[in-house]
Full PDB file with SEQRES, HELIX, SHEET, SSBOND, CRYST1, ORIGX, SCALE, CONECT and MASTER records, all heavy atoms in Angstrom:
SEQRES   1 A   44  ALA ALA ALA MET GLU GLU SER VAL ARG THR ARG MET ARG          
SEQRES   2 A   44  ALA SER ALA GLN ASP ALA GLY LEU ALA ALA GLY ALA SER          
SEQRES   3 A   44  ALA GLU GLU PHE HIS VAL VAL SER VAL ASN ASN PRO GLU          
SEQRES   4 A   44  THR ILE ALA GLY PHE                                          
HELIX    1 AA1 ALA A    2  ASP A   18  1                                  17    
CRYST1    1.000    1.000    1.000  90.00  90.00  90.00 P 1           1          
ORIGX1      1.000000  0.000000  0.000000        0.00000                         
ORIGX2      0.000000  1.000000  0.000000        0.00000                         
ORIGX3      0.000000  0.000000  1.000000        0.00000                         
SCALE1      1.000000  0.000000  0.000000        0.00000                         
SCALE2      0.000000  1.000000  0.000000        0.00000                         
SCALE3      0.000000  0.000000  1.000000        0.00000                         
ATOM      1  N   ALA A   1      15.390 -12.305   8.750  1.00  0.00           N  
ATOM      2  CA  ALA A   1      15.634 -12.331   7.303  1.00  0.00           C  
ATOM      3  C   ALA A   1      14.890 -13.475   6.628  1.00  0.00           C  
ATOM      4  O   ALA A   1      14.415 -13.342   5.496  1.00  0.00           O  
ATOM      5  CB  ALA A   1      17.127 -12.419   7.022  1.00  0.00           C  
ATOM      6  N   ALA A   2      14.788 -14.620   7.313  1.00  0.00           N  
ATOM      7  CA  ALA A   2      14.104 -15.765   6.718  1.00  0.00           C  
ATOM      8  C   ALA A   2      12.620 -15.467   6.503  1.00  0.00           C  
ATOM      9  O   ALA A   2      12.048 -15.800   5.451  1.00  0.00           O  
ATOM     10  CB  ALA A   2      14.286 -16.999   7.599  1.00  0.00           C  
ATOM     11  N   ALA A   3      11.984 -14.845   7.488  1.00  0.00           N  
ATOM     12  CA  ALA A   3      10.567 -14.492   7.348  1.00  0.00           C  
ATOM     13  C   ALA A   3      10.373 -13.455   6.255  1.00  0.00           C  
ATOM     14  O   ALA A   3       9.392 -13.512   5.497  1.00  0.00           O  
ATOM     15  CB  ALA A   3      10.029 -13.963   8.677  1.00  0.00           C  
ATOM     16  N   MET A   4      11.292 -12.492   6.163  1.00  0.00           N  
ATOM     17  CA  MET A   4      11.220 -11.488   5.102  1.00  0.00           C  
ATOM     18  C   MET A   4      11.262 -12.174   3.742  1.00  0.00           C  
ATOM     19  O   MET A   4      10.441 -11.904   2.861  1.00  0.00           O  
ATOM     20  CB  MET A   4      12.382 -10.497   5.241  1.00  0.00           C  
ATOM     21  CG  MET A   4      12.500  -9.482   4.123  1.00  0.00           C  
ATOM     22  SD  MET A   4      13.397 -10.073   2.644  1.00  0.00           S  
ATOM     23  CE  MET A   4      15.042 -10.321   3.304  1.00  0.00           C  
ATOM     24  N   GLU A   5      12.221 -13.084   3.554  1.00  0.00           N  
ATOM     25  CA  GLU A   5      12.363 -13.751   2.260  1.00  0.00           C  
ATOM     26  C   GLU A   5      11.117 -14.551   1.907  1.00  0.00           C  
ATOM     27  O   GLU A   5      10.635 -14.494   0.768  1.00  0.00           O  
ATOM     28  CB  GLU A   5      13.583 -14.668   2.270  1.00  0.00           C  
ATOM     29  CG  GLU A   5      13.741 -15.439   0.976  1.00  0.00           C  
ATOM     30  CD  GLU A   5      14.997 -16.294   0.932  1.00  0.00           C  
ATOM     31  OE1 GLU A   5      15.959 -15.987   1.669  1.00  0.00           O  
ATOM     32  OE2 GLU A   5      15.020 -17.260   0.150  1.00  0.00           O  
ATOM     33  N   GLU A   6      10.579 -15.295   2.853  1.00  0.00           N  
ATOM     34  CA  GLU A   6       9.391 -16.096   2.573  1.00  0.00           C  
ATOM     35  C   GLU A   6       8.211 -15.215   2.201  1.00  0.00           C  
ATOM     36  O   GLU A   6       7.435 -15.527   1.292  1.00  0.00           O  
ATOM     37  CB  GLU A   6       9.040 -16.962   3.780  1.00  0.00           C  
ATOM     38  CG  GLU A   6       7.814 -17.841   3.581  1.00  0.00           C  
ATOM     39  CD  GLU A   6       7.922 -18.763   2.363  1.00  0.00           C  
ATOM     40  OE1 GLU A   6       9.060 -19.168   2.023  1.00  0.00           O  
ATOM     41  OE2 GLU A   6       6.871 -19.065   1.757  1.00  0.00           O  
ATOM     42  N   SER A   7       8.071 -14.078   2.888  1.00  0.00           N  
ATOM     43  CA  SER A   7       6.986 -13.154   2.578  1.00  0.00           C  
ATOM     44  C   SER A   7       7.110 -12.613   1.160  1.00  0.00           C  
ATOM     45  O   SER A   7       6.118 -12.542   0.411  1.00  0.00           O  
ATOM     46  CB  SER A   7       6.989 -12.008   3.593  1.00  0.00           C  
ATOM     47  OG  SER A   7       6.029 -11.034   3.255  1.00  0.00           O  
ATOM     48  N   VAL A   8       8.315 -12.226   0.771  1.00  0.00           N  
ATOM     49  CA  VAL A   8       8.538 -11.676  -0.565  1.00  0.00           C  
ATOM     50  C   VAL A   8       8.265 -12.723  -1.635  1.00  0.00           C  
ATOM     51  O   VAL A   8       7.576 -12.463  -2.634  1.00  0.00           O  
ATOM     52  CB  VAL A   8       9.976 -11.133  -0.679  1.00  0.00           C  
ATOM     53  CG1 VAL A   8      10.324 -10.814  -2.130  1.00  0.00           C  
ATOM     54  CG2 VAL A   8      10.143  -9.892   0.176  1.00  0.00           C  
ATOM     55  N   ARG A   9       8.792 -13.930  -1.446  1.00  0.00           N  
ATOM     56  CA  ARG A   9       8.571 -14.990  -2.433  1.00  0.00           C  
ATOM     57  C   ARG A   9       7.085 -15.333  -2.550  1.00  0.00           C  
ATOM     58  O   ARG A   9       6.567 -15.540  -3.661  1.00  0.00           O  
ATOM     59  CB  ARG A   9       9.380 -16.226  -2.055  1.00  0.00           C  
ATOM     60  CG  ARG A   9      10.892 -16.068  -2.227  1.00  0.00           C  
ATOM     61  CD  ARG A   9      11.629 -17.359  -1.898  1.00  0.00           C  
ATOM     62  NE  ARG A   9      13.063 -17.243  -2.007  1.00  0.00           N  
ATOM     63  CZ  ARG A   9      13.758 -17.417  -3.133  1.00  0.00           C  
ATOM     64  NH1 ARG A   9      13.125 -17.711  -4.264  1.00  0.00           N  
ATOM     65  NH2 ARG A   9      15.081 -17.290  -3.134  1.00  0.00           N  
ATOM     66  N   THR A  10       6.385 -15.376  -1.428  1.00  0.00           N  
ATOM     67  CA  THR A  10       4.958 -15.700  -1.443  1.00  0.00           C  
ATOM     68  C   THR A  10       4.164 -14.643  -2.189  1.00  0.00           C  
ATOM     69  O   THR A  10       3.281 -14.962  -3.002  1.00  0.00           O  
ATOM     70  CB  THR A  10       4.429 -15.837  -0.002  1.00  0.00           C  
ATOM     71  OG1 THR A  10       5.118 -16.913   0.642  1.00  0.00           O  
ATOM     72  CG2 THR A  10       2.926 -16.113   0.010  1.00  0.00           C  
ATOM     73  N   ARG A  11       4.471 -13.368  -1.940  1.00  0.00           N  
ATOM     74  CA  ARG A  11       3.745 -12.290  -2.621  1.00  0.00           C  
ATOM     75  C   ARG A  11       3.997 -12.314  -4.118  1.00  0.00           C  
ATOM     76  O   ARG A  11       3.076 -12.073  -4.912  1.00  0.00           O  
ATOM     77  CB  ARG A  11       4.133 -10.932  -2.034  1.00  0.00           C  
ATOM     78  CG  ARG A  11       3.543 -10.679  -0.649  1.00  0.00           C  
ATOM     79  CD  ARG A  11       3.421  -9.182  -0.352  1.00  0.00           C  
ATOM     80  NE  ARG A  11       4.695  -8.486  -0.423  1.00  0.00           N  
ATOM     81  CZ  ARG A  11       5.518  -8.342   0.607  1.00  0.00           C  
ATOM     82  NH1 ARG A  11       5.223  -8.882   1.779  1.00  0.00           N  
ATOM     83  NH2 ARG A  11       6.653  -7.677   0.478  1.00  0.00           N  
ATOM     84  N   MET A  12       5.217 -12.596  -4.534  1.00  0.00           N  
ATOM     85  CA  MET A  12       5.509 -12.631  -5.969  1.00  0.00           C  
ATOM     86  C   MET A  12       4.813 -13.802  -6.656  1.00  0.00           C  
ATOM     87  O   MET A  12       4.357 -13.685  -7.797  1.00  0.00           O  
ATOM     88  CB  MET A  12       7.018 -12.674  -6.201  1.00  0.00           C  
ATOM     89  CG  MET A  12       7.712 -11.362  -5.901  1.00  0.00           C  
ATOM     90  SD  MET A  12       9.402 -11.306  -6.529  1.00  0.00           S  
ATOM     91  CE  MET A  12      10.183 -12.529  -5.483  1.00  0.00           C  
ATOM     92  N   ARG A  13       4.716 -14.942  -5.966  1.00  0.00           N  
ATOM     93  CA  ARG A  13       3.984 -16.072  -6.540  1.00  0.00           C  
ATOM     94  C   ARG A  13       2.494 -15.752  -6.642  1.00  0.00           C  
ATOM     95  O   ARG A  13       1.835 -16.126  -7.629  1.00  0.00           O  
ATOM     96  CB  ARG A  13       4.220 -17.340  -5.709  1.00  0.00           C  
ATOM     97  CG  ARG A  13       5.620 -17.916  -5.849  1.00  0.00           C  
ATOM     98  CD  ARG A  13       5.714 -19.315  -5.257  1.00  0.00           C  
ATOM     99  NE  ARG A  13       5.499 -19.325  -3.818  1.00  0.00           N  
ATOM    100  CZ  ARG A  13       6.473 -19.273  -2.914  1.00  0.00           C  
ATOM    101  NH1 ARG A  13       7.739 -19.201  -3.302  1.00  0.00           N  
ATOM    102  NH2 ARG A  13       6.191 -19.303  -1.621  1.00  0.00           N  
ATOM    103  N   ALA A  14       1.958 -15.052  -5.640  1.00  0.00           N  
ATOM    104  CA  ALA A  14       0.550 -14.661  -5.689  1.00  0.00           C  
ATOM    105  C   ALA A  14       0.290 -13.687  -6.845  1.00  0.00           C  
ATOM    106  O   ALA A  14      -0.738 -13.780  -7.526  1.00  0.00           O  
ATOM    107  CB  ALA A  14       0.138 -14.031  -4.362  1.00  0.00           C  
ATOM    108  N   SER A  15       1.216 -12.769  -7.077  1.00  0.00           N  
ATOM    109  CA  SER A  15       1.068 -11.838  -8.199  1.00  0.00           C  
ATOM    110  C   SER A  15       1.073 -12.581  -9.526  1.00  0.00           C  
ATOM    111  O   SER A  15       0.293 -12.267 -10.435  1.00  0.00           O  
ATOM    112  CB  SER A  15       2.189 -10.802  -8.169  1.00  0.00           C  
ATOM    113  OG  SER A  15       2.081  -9.963  -7.039  1.00  0.00           O  
ATOM    114  N   ALA A  16       1.951 -13.577  -9.639  1.00  0.00           N  
ATOM    115  CA  ALA A  16       2.004 -14.371 -10.865  1.00  0.00           C  
ATOM    116  C   ALA A  16       0.708 -15.139 -11.080  1.00  0.00           C  
ATOM    117  O   ALA A  16       0.227 -15.271 -12.215  1.00  0.00           O  
ATOM    118  CB  ALA A  16       3.192 -15.331 -10.806  1.00  0.00           C  
ATOM    119  N   GLN A  17       0.139 -15.651  -9.997  1.00  0.00           N  
ATOM    120  CA  GLN A  17      -1.138 -16.348 -10.105  1.00  0.00           C  
ATOM    121  C   GLN A  17      -2.227 -15.394 -10.588  1.00  0.00           C  
ATOM    122  O   GLN A  17      -3.040 -15.743 -11.451  1.00  0.00           O  
ATOM    123  CB  GLN A  17      -1.520 -16.945  -8.757  1.00  0.00           C  
ATOM    124  CG  GLN A  17      -2.774 -17.798  -8.795  1.00  0.00           C  
ATOM    125  CD  GLN A  17      -3.060 -18.471  -7.462  1.00  0.00           C  
ATOM    126  OE1 GLN A  17      -2.506 -18.099  -6.434  1.00  0.00           O  
ATOM    127  NE2 GLN A  17      -3.929 -19.463  -7.469  1.00  0.00           N  
ATOM    128  N   ASP A  18      -2.245 -14.175 -10.051  1.00  0.00           N  
ATOM    129  CA  ASP A  18      -3.212 -13.168 -10.499  1.00  0.00           C  
ATOM    130  C   ASP A  18      -3.041 -12.860 -11.987  1.00  0.00           C  
ATOM    131  O   ASP A  18      -4.008 -12.546 -12.678  1.00  0.00           O  
ATOM    132  CB  ASP A  18      -3.053 -11.882  -9.699  1.00  0.00           C  
ATOM    133  CG  ASP A  18      -3.525 -12.014  -8.264  1.00  0.00           C  
ATOM    134  OD1 ASP A  18      -4.228 -12.991  -7.942  1.00  0.00           O  
ATOM    135  OD2 ASP A  18      -3.177 -11.128  -7.455  1.00  0.00           O  
ATOM    136  N   ALA A  19      -1.799 -12.930 -12.447  1.00  0.00           N  
ATOM    137  CA  ALA A  19      -1.508 -12.630 -13.852  1.00  0.00           C  
ATOM    138  C   ALA A  19      -1.801 -13.798 -14.775  1.00  0.00           C  
ATOM    139  O   ALA A  19      -1.710 -13.661 -16.002  1.00  0.00           O  
ATOM    140  CB  ALA A  19      -0.039 -12.229 -13.993  1.00  0.00           C  
ATOM    141  N   GLY A  20      -2.136 -14.960 -14.214  1.00  0.00           N  
ATOM    142  CA  GLY A  20      -2.428 -16.124 -15.035  1.00  0.00           C  
ATOM    143  C   GLY A  20      -1.205 -16.874 -15.507  1.00  0.00           C  
ATOM    144  O   GLY A  20      -1.271 -17.624 -16.492  1.00  0.00           O  
ATOM    145  N   LEU A  21      -0.082 -16.713 -14.798  1.00  0.00           N  
ATOM    146  CA  LEU A  21       1.141 -17.424 -15.170  1.00  0.00           C  
ATOM    147  C   LEU A  21       1.116 -18.854 -14.637  1.00  0.00           C  
ATOM    148  O   LEU A  21       0.296 -19.213 -13.787  1.00  0.00           O  
ATOM    149  CB  LEU A  21       2.357 -16.688 -14.620  1.00  0.00           C  
ATOM    150  CG  LEU A  21       2.631 -15.317 -15.229  1.00  0.00           C  
ATOM    151  CD1 LEU A  21       3.741 -14.615 -14.463  1.00  0.00           C  
ATOM    152  CD2 LEU A  21       3.012 -15.439 -16.696  1.00  0.00           C  
ATOM    153  N   ALA A  22       2.049 -19.640 -15.128  1.00  0.00           N  
ATOM    154  CA  ALA A  22       2.136 -21.037 -14.727  1.00  0.00           C  
ATOM    155  C   ALA A  22       2.492 -21.157 -13.249  1.00  0.00           C  
ATOM    156  O   ALA A  22       3.102 -20.251 -12.655  1.00  0.00           O  
ATOM    157  CB  ALA A  22       3.184 -21.766 -15.574  1.00  0.00           C  
ATOM    158  N   ALA A  23       2.140 -22.277 -12.651  1.00  0.00           N  
ATOM    159  CA  ALA A  23       2.467 -22.528 -11.252  1.00  0.00           C  
ATOM    160  C   ALA A  23       3.972 -22.424 -11.046  1.00  0.00           C  
ATOM    161  O   ALA A  23       4.760 -22.916 -11.860  1.00  0.00           O  
ATOM    162  CB  ALA A  23       1.973 -23.917 -10.845  1.00  0.00           C  
ATOM    163  N   GLY A  24       4.372 -21.773  -9.962  1.00  0.00           N  
ATOM    164  CA  GLY A  24       5.790 -21.617  -9.654  1.00  0.00           C  
ATOM    165  C   GLY A  24       6.404 -20.350 -10.206  1.00  0.00           C  
ATOM    166  O   GLY A  24       7.549 -20.027  -9.876  1.00  0.00           O  
ATOM    167  N   ALA A  25       5.669 -19.626 -11.037  1.00  0.00           N  
ATOM    168  CA  ALA A  25       6.185 -18.372 -11.596  1.00  0.00           C  
ATOM    169  C   ALA A  25       6.085 -17.256 -10.560  1.00  0.00           C  
ATOM    170  O   ALA A  25       5.397 -17.370  -9.547  1.00  0.00           O  
ATOM    171  CB  ALA A  25       5.416 -17.999 -12.855  1.00  0.00           C  
ATOM    172  N   SER A  26       6.795 -16.159 -10.828  1.00  0.00           N  
ATOM    173  CA  SER A  26       6.776 -14.984  -9.954  1.00  0.00           C  
ATOM    174  C   SER A  26       6.601 -13.731 -10.803  1.00  0.00           C  
ATOM    175  O   SER A  26       7.032 -13.680 -11.958  1.00  0.00           O  
ATOM    176  CB  SER A  26       8.079 -14.875  -9.148  1.00  0.00           C  
ATOM    177  OG  SER A  26       8.195 -15.939  -8.227  1.00  0.00           O  
ATOM    178  N   ALA A  27       5.982 -12.726 -10.206  1.00  0.00           N  
ATOM    179  CA  ALA A  27       5.747 -11.479 -10.937  1.00  0.00           C  
ATOM    180  C   ALA A  27       5.756 -10.297  -9.978  1.00  0.00           C  
ATOM    181  O   ALA A  27       5.552 -10.447  -8.769  1.00  0.00           O  
ATOM    182  CB  ALA A  27       4.413 -11.531 -11.678  1.00  0.00           C  
ATOM    183  N   GLU A  28       6.011  -9.121 -10.542  1.00  0.00           N  
ATOM    184  CA  GLU A  28       5.861  -7.853  -9.840  1.00  0.00           C  
ATOM    185  C   GLU A  28       4.722  -7.076 -10.492  1.00  0.00           C  
ATOM    186  O   GLU A  28       4.464  -7.225 -11.688  1.00  0.00           O  
ATOM    187  CB  GLU A  28       7.166  -7.048  -9.882  1.00  0.00           C  
ATOM    188  CG  GLU A  28       8.278  -7.698  -9.064  1.00  0.00           C  
ATOM    189  CD  GLU A  28       9.628  -6.996  -9.177  1.00  0.00           C  
ATOM    190  OE1 GLU A  28       9.836  -6.234 -10.158  1.00  0.00           O  
ATOM    191  OE2 GLU A  28      10.465  -7.212  -8.289  1.00  0.00           O  
ATOM    192  N   GLU A  29       4.059  -6.235  -9.688  1.00  0.00           N  
ATOM    193  CA  GLU A  29       2.874  -5.519 -10.142  1.00  0.00           C  
ATOM    194  C   GLU A  29       3.140  -4.024 -10.266  1.00  0.00           C  
ATOM    195  O   GLU A  29       3.870  -3.447  -9.460  1.00  0.00           O  
ATOM    196  CB  GLU A  29       1.721  -5.724  -9.152  1.00  0.00           C  
ATOM    197  CG  GLU A  29       1.335  -7.164  -8.951  1.00  0.00           C  
ATOM    198  CD  GLU A  29       0.140  -7.317  -8.028  1.00  0.00           C  
ATOM    199  OE1 GLU A  29      -0.563  -6.302  -7.777  1.00  0.00           O  
ATOM    200  OE2 GLU A  29      -0.091  -8.446  -7.555  1.00  0.00           O  
ATOM    201  N   PHE A  30       2.499  -3.409 -11.263  1.00  0.00           N  
ATOM    202  CA  PHE A  30       2.673  -1.989 -11.511  1.00  0.00           C  
ATOM    203  C   PHE A  30       1.356  -1.349 -11.937  1.00  0.00           C  
ATOM    204  O   PHE A  30       0.484  -1.994 -12.507  1.00  0.00           O  
ATOM    205  CB  PHE A  30       3.704  -1.749 -12.616  1.00  0.00           C  
ATOM    206  CG  PHE A  30       5.079  -2.241 -12.294  1.00  0.00           C  
ATOM    207  CD1 PHE A  30       5.476  -3.523 -12.663  1.00  0.00           C  
ATOM    208  CD2 PHE A  30       5.973  -1.440 -11.603  1.00  0.00           C  
ATOM    209  CE1 PHE A  30       6.747  -3.985 -12.351  1.00  0.00           C  
ATOM    210  CE2 PHE A  30       7.237  -1.895 -11.285  1.00  0.00           C  
ATOM    211  CZ  PHE A  30       7.629  -3.172 -11.661  1.00  0.00           C  
ATOM    212  N   HIS A  31       1.261  -0.067 -11.680  1.00  0.00           N  
ATOM    213  CA  HIS A  31       0.248   0.782 -12.292  1.00  0.00           C  
ATOM    214  C   HIS A  31       0.979   1.611 -13.341  1.00  0.00           C  
ATOM    215  O   HIS A  31       1.696   2.557 -13.020  1.00  0.00           O  
ATOM    216  CB  HIS A  31      -0.395   1.672 -11.230  1.00  0.00           C  
ATOM    217  CG  HIS A  31      -1.409   2.631 -11.772  1.00  0.00           C  
ATOM    218  ND1 HIS A  31      -1.941   3.663 -11.013  1.00  0.00           N  
ATOM    219  CD2 HIS A  31      -2.009   2.729 -12.994  1.00  0.00           C  
ATOM    220  CE1 HIS A  31      -2.812   4.334 -11.735  1.00  0.00           C  
ATOM    221  NE2 HIS A  31      -2.864   3.800 -12.939  1.00  0.00           N  
ATOM    222  N   VAL A  32       0.831   1.219 -14.591  1.00  0.00           N  
ATOM    223  CA  VAL A  32       1.544   1.863 -15.687  1.00  0.00           C  
ATOM    224  C   VAL A  32       0.709   3.026 -16.230  1.00  0.00           C  
ATOM    225  O   VAL A  32      -0.485   2.872 -16.516  1.00  0.00           O  
ATOM    226  CB  VAL A  32       1.858   0.847 -16.805  1.00  0.00           C  
ATOM    227  CG1 VAL A  32       2.348   1.555 -18.060  1.00  0.00           C  
ATOM    228  CG2 VAL A  32       2.897  -0.164 -16.320  1.00  0.00           C  
ATOM    229  N   VAL A  33       1.353   4.167 -16.351  1.00  0.00           N  
ATOM    230  CA  VAL A  33       0.696   5.372 -16.858  1.00  0.00           C  
ATOM    231  C   VAL A  33       1.457   5.851 -18.096  1.00  0.00           C  
ATOM    232  O   VAL A  33       2.676   6.055 -18.046  1.00  0.00           O  
ATOM    233  CB  VAL A  33       0.693   6.484 -15.792  1.00  0.00           C  
ATOM    234  CG1 VAL A  33       0.052   7.759 -16.347  1.00  0.00           C  
ATOM    235  CG2 VAL A  33      -0.030   6.019 -14.531  1.00  0.00           C  
ATOM    236  N   SER A  34       0.750   6.017 -19.189  1.00  0.00           N  
ATOM    237  CA  SER A  34       1.341   6.602 -20.394  1.00  0.00           C  
ATOM    238  C   SER A  34       1.319   8.118 -20.249  1.00  0.00           C  
ATOM    239  O   SER A  34       0.257   8.743 -20.276  1.00  0.00           O  
ATOM    240  CB  SER A  34       0.557   6.172 -21.636  1.00  0.00           C  
ATOM    241  OG  SER A  34       1.056   6.814 -22.780  1.00  0.00           O  
ATOM    242  N   VAL A  35       2.490   8.720 -20.074  1.00  0.00           N  
ATOM    243  CA  VAL A  35       2.574  10.170 -19.892  1.00  0.00           C  
ATOM    244  C   VAL A  35       2.535  10.885 -21.243  1.00  0.00           C  
ATOM    245  O   VAL A  35       1.786  11.841 -21.442  1.00  0.00           O  
ATOM    246  CB  VAL A  35       3.841  10.557 -19.116  1.00  0.00           C  
ATOM    247  CG1 VAL A  35       3.888  12.067 -18.858  1.00  0.00           C  
ATOM    248  CG2 VAL A  35       3.919   9.788 -17.791  1.00  0.00           C  
ATOM    249  N   ASN A  36       3.338  10.421 -22.161  1.00  0.00           N  
ATOM    250  CA  ASN A  36       3.368  10.985 -23.498  1.00  0.00           C  
ATOM    251  C   ASN A  36       3.395   9.853 -24.515  1.00  0.00           C  
ATOM    252  O   ASN A  36       4.247   8.966 -24.453  1.00  0.00           O  
ATOM    253  CB  ASN A  36       4.599  11.872 -23.705  1.00  0.00           C  
ATOM    254  CG  ASN A  36       4.455  13.215 -23.026  1.00  0.00           C  
ATOM    255  OD1 ASN A  36       3.684  14.070 -23.471  1.00  0.00           O  
ATOM    256  ND2 ASN A  36       5.188  13.417 -21.936  1.00  0.00           N  
ATOM    257  N   ASN A  37       2.464   9.918 -25.448  1.00  0.00           N  
ATOM    258  CA  ASN A  37       2.409   8.960 -26.558  1.00  0.00           C  
ATOM    259  C   ASN A  37       2.036   9.733 -27.811  1.00  0.00           C  
ATOM    260  O   ASN A  37       1.801  10.947 -27.740  1.00  0.00           O  
ATOM    261  CB  ASN A  37       1.420   7.833 -26.248  1.00  0.00           C  
ATOM    262  CG  ASN A  37       0.003   8.352 -26.016  1.00  0.00           C  
ATOM    263  OD1 ASN A  37      -0.593   8.943 -26.911  1.00  0.00           O  
ATOM    264  ND2 ASN A  37      -0.531   8.126 -24.805  1.00  0.00           N  
ATOM    265  N   PRO A  38       1.989   9.098 -28.970  1.00  0.00           N  
ATOM    266  CA  PRO A  38       1.714   9.868 -30.200  1.00  0.00           C  
ATOM    267  C   PRO A  38       0.399  10.632 -30.196  1.00  0.00           C  
ATOM    268  O   PRO A  38       0.226  11.588 -30.952  1.00  0.00           O  
ATOM    269  CB  PRO A  38       1.709   8.766 -31.286  1.00  0.00           C  
ATOM    270  CG  PRO A  38       2.630   7.729 -30.743  1.00  0.00           C  
ATOM    271  CD  PRO A  38       2.373   7.709 -29.270  1.00  0.00           C  
ATOM    272  N   GLU A  39      -0.559  10.214 -29.330  1.00  0.00           N  
ATOM    273  CA  GLU A  39      -1.851  10.895 -29.289  1.00  0.00           C  
ATOM    274  C   GLU A  39      -1.926  12.003 -28.239  1.00  0.00           C  
ATOM    275  O   GLU A  39      -2.916  12.716 -28.135  1.00  0.00           O  
ATOM    276  CB  GLU A  39      -2.964   9.873 -28.994  1.00  0.00           C  
ATOM    277  CG  GLU A  39      -3.271   8.923 -30.157  1.00  0.00           C  
ATOM    278  CD  GLU A  39      -2.190   7.867 -30.324  1.00  0.00           C  
ATOM    279  OE1 GLU A  39      -1.805   7.286 -29.301  1.00  0.00           O  
ATOM    280  OE2 GLU A  39      -1.753   7.639 -31.462  1.00  0.00           O  
ATOM    281  N   THR A  40      -0.860  12.158 -27.447  1.00  0.00           N  
ATOM    282  CA  THR A  40      -0.894  13.126 -26.348  1.00  0.00           C  
ATOM    283  C   THR A  40      -0.923  14.557 -26.878  1.00  0.00           C  
ATOM    284  O   THR A  40      -0.138  14.926 -27.766  1.00  0.00           O  
ATOM    285  CB  THR A  40       0.330  12.957 -25.431  1.00  0.00           C  
ATOM    286  OG1 THR A  40       0.319  11.633 -24.888  1.00  0.00           O  
ATOM    287  CG2 THR A  40       0.288  13.945 -24.277  1.00  0.00           C  
ATOM    288  N   ILE A  41      -1.816  15.357 -26.312  1.00  0.00           N  
ATOM    289  CA  ILE A  41      -1.872  16.785 -26.600  1.00  0.00           C  
ATOM    290  C   ILE A  41      -1.537  17.510 -25.308  1.00  0.00           C  
ATOM    291  O   ILE A  41      -2.126  17.251 -24.263  1.00  0.00           O  
ATOM    292  CB  ILE A  41      -3.277  17.214 -27.086  1.00  0.00           C  
ATOM    293  CG1 ILE A  41      -3.652  16.445 -28.364  1.00  0.00           C  
ATOM    294  CG2 ILE A  41      -3.333  18.726 -27.313  1.00  0.00           C  
ATOM    295  CD1 ILE A  41      -5.076  16.691 -28.818  1.00  0.00           C  
ATOM    296  N   ALA A  42      -0.579  18.419 -25.349  1.00  0.00           N  
ATOM    297  CA  ALA A  42      -0.156  19.123 -24.139  1.00  0.00           C  
ATOM    298  C   ALA A  42      -1.343  19.810 -23.475  1.00  0.00           C  
ATOM    299  O   ALA A  42      -2.099  20.531 -24.120  1.00  0.00           O  
ATOM    300  CB  ALA A  42       0.937  20.130 -24.474  1.00  0.00           C  
ATOM    301  N   GLY A  43      -1.469  19.564 -22.170  1.00  0.00           N  
ATOM    302  CA  GLY A  43      -2.519  20.207 -21.398  1.00  0.00           C  
ATOM    303  C   GLY A  43      -3.846  19.471 -21.395  1.00  0.00           C  
ATOM    304  O   GLY A  43      -4.809  19.929 -20.775  1.00  0.00           O  
ATOM    305  N   PHE A  44      -3.909  18.277 -22.041  1.00  0.00           N  
ATOM    306  CA  PHE A  44      -5.151  17.510 -22.081  1.00  0.00           C  
ATOM    307  C   PHE A  44      -4.886  16.082 -21.648  1.00  0.00           C  
ATOM    308  O   PHE A  44      -3.777  15.589 -21.731  1.00  0.00           O  
ATOM    309  CB  PHE A  44      -5.732  17.503 -23.501  1.00  0.00           C  
ATOM    310  CG  PHE A  44      -6.217  18.858 -23.942  1.00  0.00           C  
ATOM    311  CD1 PHE A  44      -5.368  19.742 -24.593  1.00  0.00           C  
ATOM    312  CD2 PHE A  44      -7.519  19.261 -23.697  1.00  0.00           C  
ATOM    313  CE1 PHE A  44      -5.802  20.999 -24.988  1.00  0.00           C  
ATOM    314  CE2 PHE A  44      -7.973  20.495 -24.109  1.00  0.00           C  
ATOM    315  CZ  PHE A  44      -7.113  21.367 -24.757  1.00  0.00           C  
TER     316      PHE A  44                                                      
MASTER        0    0    0    1    0    0    0    6  315    1    0    4          
END                                                                             
């Protein structure tokens, strides 16, 4: 469990660094897809 926790904390700090956050911050990463928005046309 200790190794799991350290791995998770390290990855979140690395993600925050990639995002340009301050030292010591943590972040999660996503691929965000807009499925429907005001410009969406069905089938396109």
